[in-house]
Amino acid sequence: MTALAHRPDSPPEGEPTEDQAKIGRSLFMALDLVTWEKDESVILEIGWSAVWWQPVDPEEPFGEFEEMTDKGHYM
């Protein structure tokens, strides 16, 4: 048996797991750190941006999805 074999307690192939249904299907995140030129161990700015998709109706994991975004910046 290989490590990728189907486990008896996992959902049938192609169906989302319980965790996937909670967080959506995909998440993409970008992180940007700006450091001080004289000492790169000093972080001056942190910025991030994220996009993911959530089901419109949580009861239908294969229904429509809407795009969710978040971004932030600390100085």
PDB file of N, CA and C in Angstrom:
ATOM      1  N   MET A   1       0.849  -1.182   0.000  1.00  0.00           N
ATOM      2  CA  MET A   1       0.000   0.000   0.000  1.00  0.00           C
ATOM      3  C   MET A   1       0.891   1.240   0.000  1.00  0.00           C
ATOM      4  N   THR A   2       0.582   2.213  -0.835  1.00  0.00           N
ATOM      5  CA  THR A   2       1.375   3.442  -0.899  1.00  0.00           C
ATOM      6  C   THR A   2       0.796   4.487   0.047  1.00  0.00           C
ATOM      7  N   ALA A   3       1.573   5.524   0.299  1.00  0.00           N
ATOM      8  CA  ALA A   3       1.129   6.600   1.187  1.00  0.00           C
ATOM      9  C   ALA A   3      -0.055   7.360   0.595  1.00  0.00           C
ATOM     10  N   LEU A   4      -0.218   7.317  -0.723  1.00  0.00           N
ATOM     11  CA  LEU A   4      -1.305   8.050  -1.369  1.00  0.00           C
ATOM     12  C   LEU A   4      -2.561   7.206  -1.567  1.00  0.00           C
ATOM     13  N   ALA A   5      -2.566   6.000  -1.054  1.00  0.00           N
ATOM     14  CA  ALA A   5      -3.727   5.116  -1.232  1.00  0.00           C
ATOM     15  C   ALA A   5      -4.947   5.692  -0.516  1.00  0.00           C
ATOM     16  N   HIS A   6      -6.120   5.347  -1.006  1.00  0.00           N
ATOM     17  CA  HIS A   6      -7.379   5.812  -0.435  1.00  0.00           C
ATOM     18  C   HIS A   6      -7.575   5.220   0.954  1.00  0.00           C
ATOM     19  N   ARG A   7      -7.787   6.079   1.947  1.00  0.00           N
ATOM     20  CA  ARG A   7      -8.036   5.611   3.308  1.00  0.00           C
ATOM     21  C   ARG A   7      -9.524   5.342   3.468  1.00  0.00           C
ATOM     22  N   PRO A   8      -9.893   4.324   4.240  1.00  0.00           N
ATOM     23  CA  PRO A   8     -11.316   4.005   4.409  1.00  0.00           C
ATOM     24  C   PRO A   8     -12.130   5.137   5.038  1.00  0.00           C
ATOM     25  N   ASP A   9     -11.520   5.966   5.874  1.00  0.00           N
ATOM     26  CA  ASP A   9     -12.260   7.033   6.537  1.00  0.00           C
ATOM     27  C   ASP A   9     -12.281   8.344   5.754  1.00  0.00           C
ATOM     28  N   SER A  10     -11.674   8.379   4.571  1.00  0.00           N
ATOM     29  CA  SER A  10     -11.675   9.601   3.771  1.00  0.00           C
ATOM     30  C   SER A  10     -12.864   9.596   2.813  1.00  0.00           C
ATOM     31  N   PRO A  11     -13.309  10.801   2.388  1.00  0.00           N
ATOM     32  CA  PRO A  11     -14.454  10.856   1.466  1.00  0.00           C
ATOM     33  C   PRO A  11     -14.079  10.271   0.106  1.00  0.00           C
ATOM     34  N   PRO A  12     -15.072   9.879  -0.685  1.00  0.00           N
ATOM     35  CA  PRO A  12     -14.784   9.367  -2.031  1.00  0.00           C
ATOM     36  C   PRO A  12     -14.003  10.390  -2.842  1.00  0.00           C
ATOM     37  N   GLU A  13     -13.196   9.898  -3.777  1.00  0.00           N
ATOM     38  CA  GLU A  13     -12.361  10.786  -4.589  1.00  0.00           C
ATOM     39  C   GLU A  13     -13.219  11.804  -5.326  1.00  0.00           C
ATOM     40  N   GLY A  14     -12.766  13.060  -5.329  1.00  0.00           N
ATOM     41  CA  GLY A  14     -13.489  14.136  -6.000  1.00  0.00           C
ATOM     42  C   GLY A  14     -14.412  14.911  -5.076  1.00  0.00           C
ATOM     43  N   GLU A  15     -14.696  14.398  -3.884  1.00  0.00           N
ATOM     44  CA  GLU A  15     -15.539  15.115  -2.934  1.00  0.00           C
ATOM     45  C   GLU A  15     -14.649  15.848  -1.942  1.00  0.00           C
ATOM     46  N   PRO A  16     -15.048  17.060  -1.525  1.00  0.00           N
ATOM     47  CA  PRO A  16     -14.203  17.827  -0.606  1.00  0.00           C
ATOM     48  C   PRO A  16     -14.195  17.202   0.785  1.00  0.00           C
ATOM     49  N   THR A  17     -13.075  17.361   1.463  1.00  0.00           N
ATOM     50  CA  THR A  17     -13.028  16.937   2.859  1.00  0.00           C
ATOM     51  C   THR A  17     -13.737  17.991   3.694  1.00  0.00           C
ATOM     52  N   GLU A  18     -13.958  17.701   4.954  1.00  0.00           N
ATOM     53  CA  GLU A  18     -14.636  18.652   5.836  1.00  0.00           C
ATOM     54  C   GLU A  18     -13.839  19.954   5.944  1.00  0.00           C
ATOM     55  N   ASP A  19     -12.504  19.862   6.045  1.00  0.00           N
ATOM     56  CA  ASP A  19     -11.671  21.059   6.141  1.00  0.00           C
ATOM     57  C   ASP A  19     -11.707  21.869   4.855  1.00  0.00           C
ATOM     58  N   GLN A  20     -11.696  21.225   3.703  1.00  0.00           N
ATOM     59  CA  GLN A  20     -11.742  21.956   2.436  1.00  0.00           C
ATOM     60  C   GLN A  20     -13.044  22.726   2.311  1.00  0.00           C
ATOM     61  N   ALA A  21     -14.145  22.135   2.733  1.00  0.00           N
ATOM     62  CA  ALA A  21     -15.428  22.823   2.640  1.00  0.00           C
ATOM     63  C   ALA A  21     -15.454  24.054   3.546  1.00  0.00           C
ATOM     64  N   LYS A  22     -14.731  24.039   4.666  1.00  0.00           N
ATOM     65  CA  LYS A  22     -14.709  25.173   5.588  1.00  0.00           C
ATOM     66  C   LYS A  22     -13.907  26.344   5.035  1.00  0.00           C
ATOM     67  N   ILE A  23     -12.772  26.076   4.405  1.00  0.00           N
ATOM     68  CA  ILE A  23     -11.875  27.165   4.005  1.00  0.00           C
ATOM     69  C   ILE A  23     -11.954  27.525   2.535  1.00  0.00           C
ATOM     70  N   GLY A  24     -12.694  26.808   1.752  1.00  0.00           N
ATOM     71  CA  GLY A  24     -12.731  27.082   0.323  1.00  0.00           C
ATOM     72  C   GLY A  24     -11.747  26.178  -0.405  1.00  0.00           C
ATOM     73  N   ARG A  25     -11.692  26.312  -1.707  1.00  0.00           N
ATOM     74  CA  ARG A  25     -10.877  25.393  -2.496  1.00  0.00           C
ATOM     75  C   ARG A  25      -9.436  25.840  -2.648  1.00  0.00           C
ATOM     76  N   SER A  26      -9.182  27.131  -2.704  1.00  0.00           N
ATOM     77  CA  SER A  26      -7.826  27.609  -2.970  1.00  0.00           C
ATOM     78  C   SER A  26      -7.566  28.880  -2.195  1.00  0.00           C
ATOM     79  N   LEU A  27      -6.304  29.081  -1.870  1.00  0.00           N
ATOM     80  CA  LEU A  27      -5.871  30.310  -1.208  1.00  0.00           C
ATOM     81  C   LEU A  27      -4.549  30.722  -1.820  1.00  0.00           C
ATOM     82  N   PHE A  28      -4.462  31.971  -2.225  1.00  0.00           N
ATOM     83  CA  PHE A  28      -3.218  32.521  -2.745  1.00  0.00           C
ATOM     84  C   PHE A  28      -2.854  33.710  -1.870  1.00  0.00           C
ATOM     85  N   MET A  29      -1.599  33.759  -1.433  1.00  0.00           N
ATOM     86  CA  MET A  29      -1.178  34.834  -0.543  1.00  0.00           C
ATOM     87  C   MET A  29       0.181  35.370  -0.980  1.00  0.00           C
ATOM     88  N   ALA A  30       0.332  36.681  -0.907  1.00  0.00           N
ATOM     89  CA  ALA A  30       1.610  37.334  -1.194  1.00  0.00           C
ATOM     90  C   ALA A  30       2.038  38.090   0.060  1.00  0.00           C
ATOM     91  N   LEU A  31       3.311  38.013   0.374  1.00  0.00           N
ATOM     92  CA  LEU A  31       3.869  38.684   1.543  1.00  0.00           C
ATOM     93  C   LEU A  31       5.071  39.503   1.090  1.00  0.00           C
ATOM     94  N   ASP A  32       5.153  40.751   1.574  1.00  0.00           N
ATOM     95  CA  ASP A  32       6.243  41.634   1.198  1.00  0.00           C
ATOM     96  C   ASP A  32       6.871  42.218   2.456  1.00  0.00           C
ATOM     97  N   LEU A  33       8.178  42.055   2.605  1.00  0.00           N
ATOM     98  CA  LEU A  33       8.929  42.614   3.727  1.00  0.00           C
ATOM     99  C   LEU A  33       9.916  43.642   3.187  1.00  0.00           C
ATOM    100  N   VAL A  34       9.965  44.804   3.817  1.00  0.00           N
ATOM    101  CA  VAL A  34      10.930  45.834   3.467  1.00  0.00           C
ATOM    102  C   VAL A  34      11.875  45.988   4.649  1.00  0.00           C
ATOM    103  N   THR A  35      13.174  45.849   4.378  1.00  0.00           N
ATOM    104  CA  THR A  35      14.161  45.945   5.452  1.00  0.00           C
ATOM    105  C   THR A  35      14.980  47.225   5.307  1.00  0.00           C
ATOM    106  N   TRP A  36      15.636  47.598   6.380  1.00  0.00           N
ATOM    107  CA  TRP A  36      16.490  48.779   6.397  1.00  0.00           C
ATOM    108  C   TRP A  36      17.774  48.467   5.654  1.00  0.00           C
ATOM    109  N   GLU A  37      18.222  49.385   4.810  1.00  0.00           N
ATOM    110  CA  GLU A  37      19.410  49.154   3.984  1.00  0.00           C
ATOM    111  C   GLU A  37      20.681  48.964   4.814  1.00  0.00           C
ATOM    112  N   LYS A  38      20.797  49.670   5.939  1.00  0.00           N
ATOM    113  CA  LYS A  38      22.015  49.586   6.753  1.00  0.00           C
ATOM    114  C   LYS A  38      22.055  48.337   7.634  1.00  0.00           C
ATOM    115  N   ASP A  39      20.878  47.786   7.979  1.00  0.00           N
ATOM    116  CA  ASP A  39      20.801  46.592   8.823  1.00  0.00           C
ATOM    117  C   ASP A  39      19.581  45.784   8.395  1.00  0.00           C
ATOM    118  N   GLU A  40      19.804  44.758   7.599  1.00  0.00           N
ATOM    119  CA  GLU A  40      18.689  44.001   7.039  1.00  0.00           C
ATOM    120  C   GLU A  40      17.930  43.172   8.069  1.00  0.00           C
ATOM    121  N   SER A  41      18.395  43.136   9.304  1.00  0.00           N
ATOM    122  CA  SER A  41      17.637  42.443  10.344  1.00  0.00           C
ATOM    123  C   SER A  41      16.518  43.327  10.896  1.00  0.00           C
ATOM    124  N   VAL A  42      16.494  44.602  10.477  1.00  0.00           N
ATOM    125  CA  VAL A  42      15.455  45.541  10.899  1.00  0.00           C
ATOM    126  C   VAL A  42      14.382  45.596   9.807  1.00  0.00           C
ATOM    127  N   ILE A  43      13.191  45.174  10.149  1.00  0.00           N
ATOM    128  CA  ILE A  43      12.070  45.182   9.198  1.00  0.00           C
ATOM    129  C   ILE A  43      11.322  46.498   9.346  1.00  0.00           C
ATOM    130  N   LEU A  44      11.179  47.229   8.256  1.00  0.00           N
ATOM    131  CA  LEU A  44      10.512  48.530   8.270  1.00  0.00           C
ATOM    132  C   LEU A  44       9.028  48.424   7.919  1.00  0.00           C
ATOM    133  N   GLU A  45       8.703  47.564   6.997  1.00  0.00           N
ATOM    134  CA  GLU A  45       7.312  47.433   6.538  1.00  0.00           C
ATOM    135  C   GLU A  45       6.983  45.971   6.271  1.00  0.00           C
ATOM    136  N   ILE A  46       5.724  45.615   6.515  1.00  0.00           N
ATOM    137  CA  ILE A  46       5.204  44.292   6.166  1.00  0.00           C
ATOM    138  C   ILE A  46       3.881  44.518   5.444  1.00  0.00           C
ATOM    139  N   GLY A  47       3.737  43.916   4.291  1.00  0.00           N
ATOM    140  CA  GLY A  47       2.487  44.019   3.543  1.00  0.00           C
ATOM    141  C   GLY A  47       2.043  42.640   3.095  1.00  0.00           C
ATOM    142  N   TRP A  48       0.733  42.439   2.983  1.00  0.00           N
ATOM    143  CA  TRP A  48       0.231  41.159   2.504  1.00  0.00           C
ATOM    144  C   TRP A  48      -1.052  41.362   1.710  1.00  0.00           C
ATOM    145  N   SER A  49      -1.318  40.385   0.897  1.00  0.00           N
ATOM    146  CA  SER A  49      -2.536  40.347   0.105  1.00  0.00           C
ATOM    147  C   SER A  49      -2.930  38.885  -0.056  1.00  0.00           C
ATOM    148  N   ALA A  50      -4.209  38.600   0.077  1.00  0.00           N
ATOM    149  CA  ALA A  50      -4.682  37.219  -0.039  1.00  0.00           C
ATOM    150  C   ALA A  50      -5.993  37.186  -0.813  1.00  0.00           C
ATOM    151  N   VAL A  51      -6.203  36.101  -1.524  1.00  0.00           N
ATOM    152  CA  VAL A  51      -7.467  35.868  -2.229  1.00  0.00           C
ATOM    153  C   VAL A  51      -7.835  34.396  -2.066  1.00  0.00           C
ATOM    154  N   TRP A  52      -9.110  34.131  -1.807  1.00  0.00           N
ATOM    155  CA  TRP A  52      -9.603  32.766  -1.684  1.00  0.00           C
ATOM    156  C   TRP A  52     -11.073  32.749  -2.095  1.00  0.00           C
ATOM    157  N   TRP A  53     -11.614  31.574  -2.228  1.00  0.00           N
ATOM    158  CA  TRP A  53     -12.994  31.409  -2.687  1.00  0.00           C
ATOM    159  C   TRP A  53     -13.787  30.652  -1.644  1.00  0.00           C
ATOM    160  N   GLN A  54     -14.956  31.202  -1.301  1.00  0.00           N
ATOM    161  CA  GLN A  54     -15.854  30.600  -0.321  1.00  0.00           C
ATOM    162  C   GLN A  54     -17.150  30.199  -1.033  1.00  0.00           C
ATOM    163  N   PRO A  55     -17.767  29.100  -0.588  1.00  0.00           N
ATOM    164  CA  PRO A  55     -19.059  28.742  -1.183  1.00  0.00           C
ATOM    165  C   PRO A  55     -20.124  29.774  -0.821  1.00  0.00           C
ATOM    166  N   VAL A  56     -20.970  30.120  -1.784  1.00  0.00           N
ATOM    167  CA  VAL A  56     -22.068  31.052  -1.535  1.00  0.00           C
ATOM    168  C   VAL A  56     -23.045  30.412  -0.556  1.00  0.00           C
ATOM    169  N   ASP A  57     -23.335  29.140  -0.750  1.00  0.00           N
ATOM    170  CA  ASP A  57     -24.199  28.383   0.146  1.00  0.00           C
ATOM    171  C   ASP A  57     -23.353  27.282   0.786  1.00  0.00           C
ATOM    172  N   PRO A  58     -22.990  27.409   2.080  1.00  0.00           N
ATOM    173  CA  PRO A  58     -22.127  26.414   2.722  1.00  0.00           C
ATOM    174  C   PRO A  58     -22.689  24.991   2.701  1.00  0.00           C
ATOM    175  N   GLU A  59     -23.991  24.863   2.526  1.00  0.00           N
ATOM    176  CA  GLU A  59     -24.611  23.528   2.472  1.00  0.00           C
ATOM    177  C   GLU A  59     -24.340  22.835   1.136  1.00  0.00           C
ATOM    178  N   GLU A  60     -23.934  23.589   0.115  1.00  0.00           N
ATOM    179  CA  GLU A  60     -23.634  23.040  -1.207  1.00  0.00           C
ATOM    180  C   GLU A  60     -22.160  23.264  -1.530  1.00  0.00           C
ATOM    181  N   PRO A  61     -21.268  22.340  -1.130  1.00  0.00           N
ATOM    182  CA  PRO A  61     -19.844  22.563  -1.376  1.00  0.00           C
ATOM    183  C   PRO A  61     -19.470  22.606  -2.855  1.00  0.00           C
ATOM    184  N   PHE A  62     -20.305  22.075  -3.748  1.00  0.00           N
ATOM    185  CA  PHE A  62     -20.015  22.123  -5.184  1.00  0.00           C
ATOM    186  C   PHE A  62     -20.853  23.167  -5.898  1.00  0.00           C
ATOM    187  N   GLY A  63     -21.491  24.053  -5.137  1.00  0.00           N
ATOM    188  CA  GLY A  63     -22.288  25.123  -5.730  1.00  0.00           C
ATOM    189  C   GLY A  63     -21.401  26.275  -6.170  1.00  0.00           C
ATOM    190  N   GLU A  64     -21.984  27.470  -6.212  1.00  0.00           N
ATOM    191  CA  GLU A  64     -21.246  28.658  -6.637  1.00  0.00           C
ATOM    192  C   GLU A  64     -20.284  29.117  -5.548  1.00  0.00           C
ATOM    193  N   PHE A  65     -19.172  29.720  -5.985  1.00  0.00           N
ATOM    194  CA  PHE A  65     -18.183  30.266  -5.064  1.00  0.00           C
ATOM    195  C   PHE A  65     -18.042  31.754  -5.318  1.00  0.00           C
ATOM    196  N   GLU A  66     -17.755  32.510  -4.252  1.00  0.00           N
ATOM    197  CA  GLU A  66     -17.483  33.934  -4.415  1.00  0.00           C
ATOM    198  C   GLU A  66     -16.056  34.222  -3.981  1.00  0.00           C
ATOM    199  N   GLU A  67     -15.440  35.184  -4.654  1.00  0.00           N
ATOM    200  CA  GLU A  67     -14.056  35.545  -4.368  1.00  0.00           C
ATOM    201  C   GLU A  67     -14.004  36.443  -3.133  1.00  0.00           C
ATOM    202  N   MET A  68     -13.119  36.108  -2.196  1.00  0.00           N
ATOM    203  CA  MET A  68     -12.914  36.883  -0.979  1.00  0.00           C
ATOM    204  C   MET A  68     -11.477  37.411  -1.016  1.00  0.00           C
ATOM    205  N   THR A  69     -11.249  38.609  -0.528  1.00  0.00           N
ATOM    206  CA  THR A  69      -9.902  39.167  -0.515  1.00  0.00           C
ATOM    207  C   THR A  69      -9.614  39.820   0.840  1.00  0.00           C
ATOM    208  N   ASP A  70      -8.340  39.917   1.148  1.00  0.00           N
ATOM    209  CA  ASP A  70      -7.884  40.607   2.340  1.00  0.00           C
ATOM    210  C   ASP A  70      -6.507  41.177   2.039  1.00  0.00           C
ATOM    211  N   LYS A  71      -6.215  42.326   2.599  1.00  0.00           N
ATOM    212  CA  LYS A  71      -4.887  42.909   2.413  1.00  0.00           C
ATOM    213  C   LYS A  71      -4.584  43.782   3.612  1.00  0.00           C
ATOM    214  N   GLY A  72      -3.315  44.019   3.835  1.00  0.00           N
ATOM    215  CA  GLY A  72      -2.926  44.851   4.966  1.00  0.00           C
ATOM    216  C   GLY A  72      -1.499  45.337   4.827  1.00  0.00           C
ATOM    217  N   HIS A  73      -1.167  46.296   5.688  1.00  0.00           N
ATOM    218  CA  HIS A  73       0.150  46.913   5.610  1.00  0.00           C
ATOM    219  C   HIS A  73       0.500  47.449   6.995  1.00  0.00           C
ATOM    220  N   TYR A  74       1.644  47.064   7.514  1.00  0.00           N
ATOM    221  CA  TYR A  74       2.146  47.601   8.787  1.00  0.00           C
ATOM    222  C   TYR A  74       3.442  48.336   8.523  1.00  0.00           C
ATOM    223  N   MET A  75       3.621  49.492   9.166  1.00  0.00           N
ATOM    224  CA  MET A  75       4.863  50.251   9.023  1.00  0.00           C
ATOM    225  C   MET A  75       5.507  50.396  10.385  1.00  0.00           C
TER     226      MET A  75
END
